[in-house]
Amino acid sequence: MSIEIKDVEHLASLARVAVSDNEKNDLKNDLEEILSFVSQVKEATVDSLTPEIGTHYNVMRADENPHEAGIFSEDLLSSAPSRNENHIVVKKIL
């Protein structure tokens, strides 16, 4: 696809960006390269992907052999910079 300077000017006006003549030519070339890349991506077929892609989604490990509740709490709390009993103390931000 061919981009013209008037297209670059129109995009610049939509974005409310001032663009010099040198920048217009650079942007014209950049946009043509981007559109060329997008057209290559459009031509990609799903058949070229490995069979595993698309057959599994949101795969999570089985929750087997869970540890005892609270077994790591003291380790985590002791590594906090500041704590109050079983709570981590953080700086108030509001």
N, C-alpha and C. Protein backbone atom coordinates (compact mmCIF):
# COMPACT_ATOMS: atom_id res chain seq x y z
N MET A 1 0.85 -1.18 0.00
CA MET A 1 0.00 0.00 0.00
C MET A 1 0.89 1.23 0.00
N SER A 2 0.50 2.19 -0.76
CA SER A 2 1.28 3.41 -0.89
C SER A 2 0.67 4.52 -0.03
N ILE A 3 1.50 5.14 0.75
CA ILE A 3 1.09 6.26 1.60
C ILE A 3 1.52 7.54 0.92
N GLU A 4 0.66 8.51 0.93
CA GLU A 4 0.99 9.81 0.33
C GLU A 4 1.20 10.82 1.45
N ILE A 5 1.87 11.90 1.11
CA ILE A 5 2.14 12.96 2.09
C ILE A 5 0.84 13.51 2.67
N LYS A 6 -0.19 13.60 1.84
CA LYS A 6 -1.48 14.13 2.35
C LYS A 6 -2.05 13.20 3.43
N ASP A 7 -1.77 11.87 3.33
CA ASP A 7 -2.22 10.93 4.36
C ASP A 7 -1.47 11.19 5.67
N VAL A 8 -0.18 11.45 5.56
CA VAL A 8 0.62 11.74 6.74
C VAL A 8 0.14 13.05 7.38
N GLU A 9 -0.15 14.04 6.55
CA GLU A 9 -0.65 15.31 7.07
C GLU A 9 -1.99 15.13 7.76
N HIS A 10 -2.85 14.28 7.18
CA HIS A 10 -4.16 14.02 7.78
C HIS A 10 -4.00 13.33 9.13
N LEU A 11 -3.13 12.32 9.20
CA LEU A 11 -2.88 11.62 10.47
C LEU A 11 -2.30 12.57 11.50
N ALA A 12 -1.40 13.45 11.07
CA ALA A 12 -0.80 14.42 11.99
C ALA A 12 -1.86 15.38 12.53
N SER A 13 -2.78 15.79 11.66
CA SER A 13 -3.84 16.70 12.12
C SER A 13 -4.78 15.99 13.09
N LEU A 14 -5.08 14.71 12.83
CA LEU A 14 -5.92 13.95 13.75
C LEU A 14 -5.26 13.80 15.12
N ALA A 15 -3.94 13.62 15.10
CA ALA A 15 -3.20 13.48 16.35
C ALA A 15 -2.84 14.82 16.96
N ARG A 16 -3.15 15.88 16.24
CA ARG A 16 -2.82 17.24 16.68
C ARG A 16 -1.33 17.38 16.96
N VAL A 17 -0.54 16.92 15.97
CA VAL A 17 0.91 16.95 16.08
C VAL A 17 1.46 17.77 14.93
N ALA A 18 2.35 18.70 15.24
CA ALA A 18 3.00 19.47 14.19
C ALA A 18 4.15 18.65 13.63
N VAL A 19 4.19 18.53 12.29
CA VAL A 19 5.19 17.71 11.64
C VAL A 19 5.87 18.53 10.54
N SER A 20 7.20 18.54 10.56
CA SER A 20 7.94 19.27 9.53
C SER A 20 7.95 18.47 8.23
N ASP A 21 8.39 19.11 7.14
CA ASP A 21 8.43 18.42 5.84
C ASP A 21 9.37 17.22 5.87
N ASN A 22 10.52 17.35 6.54
CA ASN A 22 11.44 16.21 6.65
C ASN A 22 10.80 15.07 7.43
N GLU A 23 10.10 15.41 8.51
CA GLU A 23 9.44 14.39 9.31
C GLU A 23 8.31 13.72 8.53
N LYS A 24 7.63 14.49 7.68
CA LYS A 24 6.56 13.91 6.87
C LYS A 24 7.10 12.80 5.98
N ASN A 25 8.24 13.05 5.35
CA ASN A 25 8.83 12.03 4.48
C ASN A 25 9.27 10.81 5.29
N ASP A 26 9.86 11.05 6.45
CA ASP A 26 10.27 9.94 7.31
C ASP A 26 9.06 9.13 7.77
N LEU A 27 8.01 9.84 8.18
CA LEU A 27 6.79 9.15 8.63
C LEU A 27 6.13 8.38 7.50
N LYS A 28 6.17 8.95 6.29
CA LYS A 28 5.62 8.27 5.12
C LYS A 28 6.32 6.93 4.92
N ASN A 29 7.64 6.95 4.98
CA ASN A 29 8.41 5.71 4.81
C ASN A 29 8.14 4.72 5.94
N ASP A 30 8.09 5.23 7.18
CA ASP A 30 7.82 4.37 8.33
C ASP A 30 6.44 3.71 8.22
N LEU A 31 5.44 4.51 7.85
CA LEU A 31 4.08 3.97 7.72
C LEU A 31 4.00 2.91 6.62
N GLU A 32 4.70 3.13 5.52
CA GLU A 32 4.71 2.13 4.44
C GLU A 32 5.34 0.83 4.92
N GLU A 33 6.42 0.92 5.71
CA GLU A 33 7.06 -0.28 6.24
C GLU A 33 6.14 -1.00 7.23
N ILE A 34 5.45 -0.24 8.05
CA ILE A 34 4.52 -0.84 9.01
C ILE A 34 3.40 -1.57 8.29
N LEU A 35 2.82 -0.91 7.29
CA LEU A 35 1.74 -1.54 6.54
C LEU A 35 2.21 -2.77 5.77
N SER A 36 3.44 -2.72 5.30
CA SER A 36 4.01 -3.89 4.63
C SER A 36 4.13 -5.05 5.60
N PHE A 37 4.59 -4.77 6.79
CA PHE A 37 4.71 -5.82 7.81
C PHE A 37 3.35 -6.38 8.18
N VAL A 38 2.36 -5.50 8.35
CA VAL A 38 1.02 -5.95 8.70
C VAL A 38 0.44 -6.83 7.60
N SER A 39 0.71 -6.50 6.35
CA SER A 39 0.20 -7.34 5.26
C SER A 39 0.86 -8.71 5.28
N GLN A 40 2.13 -8.79 5.70
CA GLN A 40 2.78 -10.09 5.83
C GLN A 40 2.14 -10.90 6.95
N VAL A 41 1.80 -10.24 8.05
CA VAL A 41 1.17 -10.93 9.16
C VAL A 41 -0.21 -11.44 8.75
N LYS A 42 -0.93 -10.66 7.95
CA LYS A 42 -2.25 -11.08 7.48
C LYS A 42 -2.15 -12.35 6.63
N GLU A 43 -1.04 -12.51 5.90
CA GLU A 43 -0.87 -13.66 5.02
C GLU A 43 -0.50 -14.92 5.78
N ALA A 44 -0.10 -14.80 7.03
CA ALA A 44 0.27 -15.97 7.82
C ALA A 44 -0.95 -16.86 8.01
N THR A 45 -0.74 -18.15 7.93
CA THR A 45 -1.84 -19.08 8.09
C THR A 45 -1.71 -19.80 9.43
N VAL A 46 -2.80 -20.25 9.93
CA VAL A 46 -2.81 -20.99 11.17
C VAL A 46 -2.17 -22.37 10.95
N ASP A 47 -2.22 -22.86 9.72
CA ASP A 47 -1.65 -24.17 9.43
C ASP A 47 -0.15 -24.21 9.69
N SER A 48 0.51 -23.07 9.62
CA SER A 48 1.96 -23.04 9.82
C SER A 48 2.33 -23.14 11.30
N LEU A 49 1.36 -23.02 12.19
CA LEU A 49 1.64 -23.10 13.62
C LEU A 49 1.73 -24.56 14.05
N THR A 50 2.41 -24.78 15.14
CA THR A 50 2.52 -26.14 15.65
C THR A 50 1.17 -26.60 16.17
N PRO A 51 0.90 -27.89 16.17
CA PRO A 51 -0.42 -28.37 16.59
C PRO A 51 -0.78 -28.02 18.04
N GLU A 52 0.22 -27.84 18.91
CA GLU A 52 -0.07 -27.54 20.30
C GLU A 52 -0.69 -26.16 20.48
N ILE A 53 -0.36 -25.24 19.59
CA ILE A 53 -0.89 -23.88 19.69
C ILE A 53 -2.39 -23.92 19.41
N GLY A 54 -3.15 -23.33 20.26
CA GLY A 54 -4.58 -23.23 20.04
C GLY A 54 -5.37 -24.39 20.64
N THR A 55 -4.73 -25.47 21.02
CA THR A 55 -5.47 -26.58 21.60
C THR A 55 -5.53 -26.49 23.11
N HIS A 56 -4.60 -25.76 23.72
CA HIS A 56 -4.58 -25.62 25.17
C HIS A 56 -4.66 -24.14 25.51
N TYR A 57 -5.41 -23.83 26.52
CA TYR A 57 -5.44 -22.46 26.99
C TYR A 57 -5.68 -22.46 28.49
N ASN A 58 -5.12 -21.50 29.16
CA ASN A 58 -5.26 -21.36 30.60
C ASN A 58 -4.91 -22.66 31.32
N VAL A 59 -3.80 -23.26 30.90
CA VAL A 59 -3.38 -24.52 31.49
C VAL A 59 -2.72 -24.25 32.83
N MET A 60 -3.16 -24.94 33.84
CA MET A 60 -2.60 -24.77 35.18
C MET A 60 -2.25 -26.15 35.73
N ARG A 61 -1.28 -26.16 36.61
CA ARG A 61 -0.89 -27.44 37.20
C ARG A 61 -1.97 -27.92 38.16
N ALA A 62 -2.02 -29.20 38.34
CA ALA A 62 -2.96 -29.77 39.30
C ALA A 62 -2.53 -29.38 40.71
N ASP A 63 -3.46 -29.12 41.57
CA ASP A 63 -3.16 -28.74 42.94
C ASP A 63 -2.98 -30.00 43.77
N GLU A 64 -1.84 -30.61 43.61
CA GLU A 64 -1.55 -31.85 44.31
C GLU A 64 -0.57 -31.58 45.45
N ASN A 65 -0.69 -32.32 46.49
CA ASN A 65 0.19 -32.21 47.65
C ASN A 65 0.33 -30.78 48.16
N PRO A 66 -0.78 -30.14 48.49
CA PRO A 66 -0.66 -28.76 49.00
C PRO A 66 0.05 -28.76 50.34
N HIS A 67 0.77 -27.66 50.60
CA HIS A 67 1.47 -27.56 51.87
C HIS A 67 0.49 -27.16 52.97
N GLU A 68 0.92 -27.33 54.20
CA GLU A 68 0.10 -26.98 55.36
C GLU A 68 -0.15 -25.48 55.38
N ALA A 69 -1.37 -25.06 55.69
CA ALA A 69 -1.72 -23.64 55.73
C ALA A 69 -0.85 -22.91 56.74
N GLY A 70 -0.29 -21.78 56.35
CA GLY A 70 0.49 -20.94 57.25
C GLY A 70 1.93 -21.39 57.46
N ILE A 71 2.36 -22.41 56.76
CA ILE A 71 3.71 -22.93 56.98
C ILE A 71 4.80 -21.93 56.58
N PHE A 72 4.50 -21.07 55.61
CA PHE A 72 5.49 -20.10 55.14
C PHE A 72 5.23 -18.69 55.67
N SER A 73 4.18 -18.51 56.45
CA SER A 73 3.80 -17.17 56.90
C SER A 73 4.91 -16.48 57.68
N GLU A 74 5.52 -17.16 58.63
CA GLU A 74 6.56 -16.54 59.44
C GLU A 74 7.77 -16.16 58.61
N ASP A 75 8.15 -17.00 57.65
CA ASP A 75 9.27 -16.67 56.77
C ASP A 75 8.98 -15.40 55.97
N LEU A 76 7.76 -15.31 55.45
CA LEU A 76 7.38 -14.13 54.67
C LEU A 76 7.32 -12.88 55.54
N LEU A 77 6.69 -13.00 56.70
CA LEU A 77 6.58 -11.84 57.59
C LEU A 77 7.94 -11.39 58.11
N SER A 78 8.83 -12.31 58.38
CA SER A 78 10.15 -11.93 58.89
C SER A 78 11.00 -11.23 57.84
N SER A 79 10.68 -11.45 56.58
CA SER A 79 11.45 -10.78 55.52
C SER A 79 10.91 -9.39 55.20
N ALA A 80 9.75 -9.03 55.74
CA ALA A 80 9.17 -7.70 55.52
C ALA A 80 9.96 -6.66 56.30
N PRO A 81 10.09 -5.44 55.76
CA PRO A 81 10.83 -4.40 56.46
C PRO A 81 10.19 -4.00 57.79
N SER A 82 8.85 -4.06 57.85
CA SER A 82 8.15 -3.68 59.07
C SER A 82 6.89 -4.52 59.20
N ARG A 83 6.59 -4.94 60.42
CA ARG A 83 5.39 -5.75 60.61
C ARG A 83 4.75 -5.42 61.95
N ASN A 84 3.46 -5.72 62.05
CA ASN A 84 2.69 -5.56 63.28
C ASN A 84 1.94 -6.88 63.47
N GLU A 85 2.41 -7.69 64.40
CA GLU A 85 1.90 -9.04 64.64
C GLU A 85 1.95 -9.84 63.34
N ASN A 86 0.79 -10.22 62.79
CA ASN A 86 0.78 -11.03 61.57
C ASN A 86 0.46 -10.21 60.33
N HIS A 87 0.81 -8.93 60.36
CA HIS A 87 0.53 -8.05 59.22
C HIS A 87 1.80 -7.32 58.81
N ILE A 88 1.95 -7.11 57.52
CA ILE A 88 3.06 -6.30 57.01
C ILE A 88 2.62 -4.84 57.07
N VAL A 89 3.45 -3.99 57.62
CA VAL A 89 3.16 -2.56 57.72
C VAL A 89 3.76 -1.87 56.50
N VAL A 90 2.89 -1.09 55.81
CA VAL A 90 3.34 -0.36 54.62
C VAL A 90 3.03 1.12 54.80
N LYS A 91 3.69 1.94 54.03
CA LYS A 91 3.49 3.38 54.09
C LYS A 91 2.09 3.73 53.56
N LYS A 92 1.40 4.61 54.26
CA LYS A 92 0.09 5.07 53.82
C LYS A 92 0.26 5.95 52.59
N ILE A 93 -0.50 5.67 51.53
CA ILE A 93 -0.33 6.44 50.30
C ILE A 93 -1.52 7.33 49.97
N LEU A 94 -2.59 7.21 50.72
CA LEU A 94 -3.76 8.06 50.44
C LEU A 94 -3.97 9.05 51.55
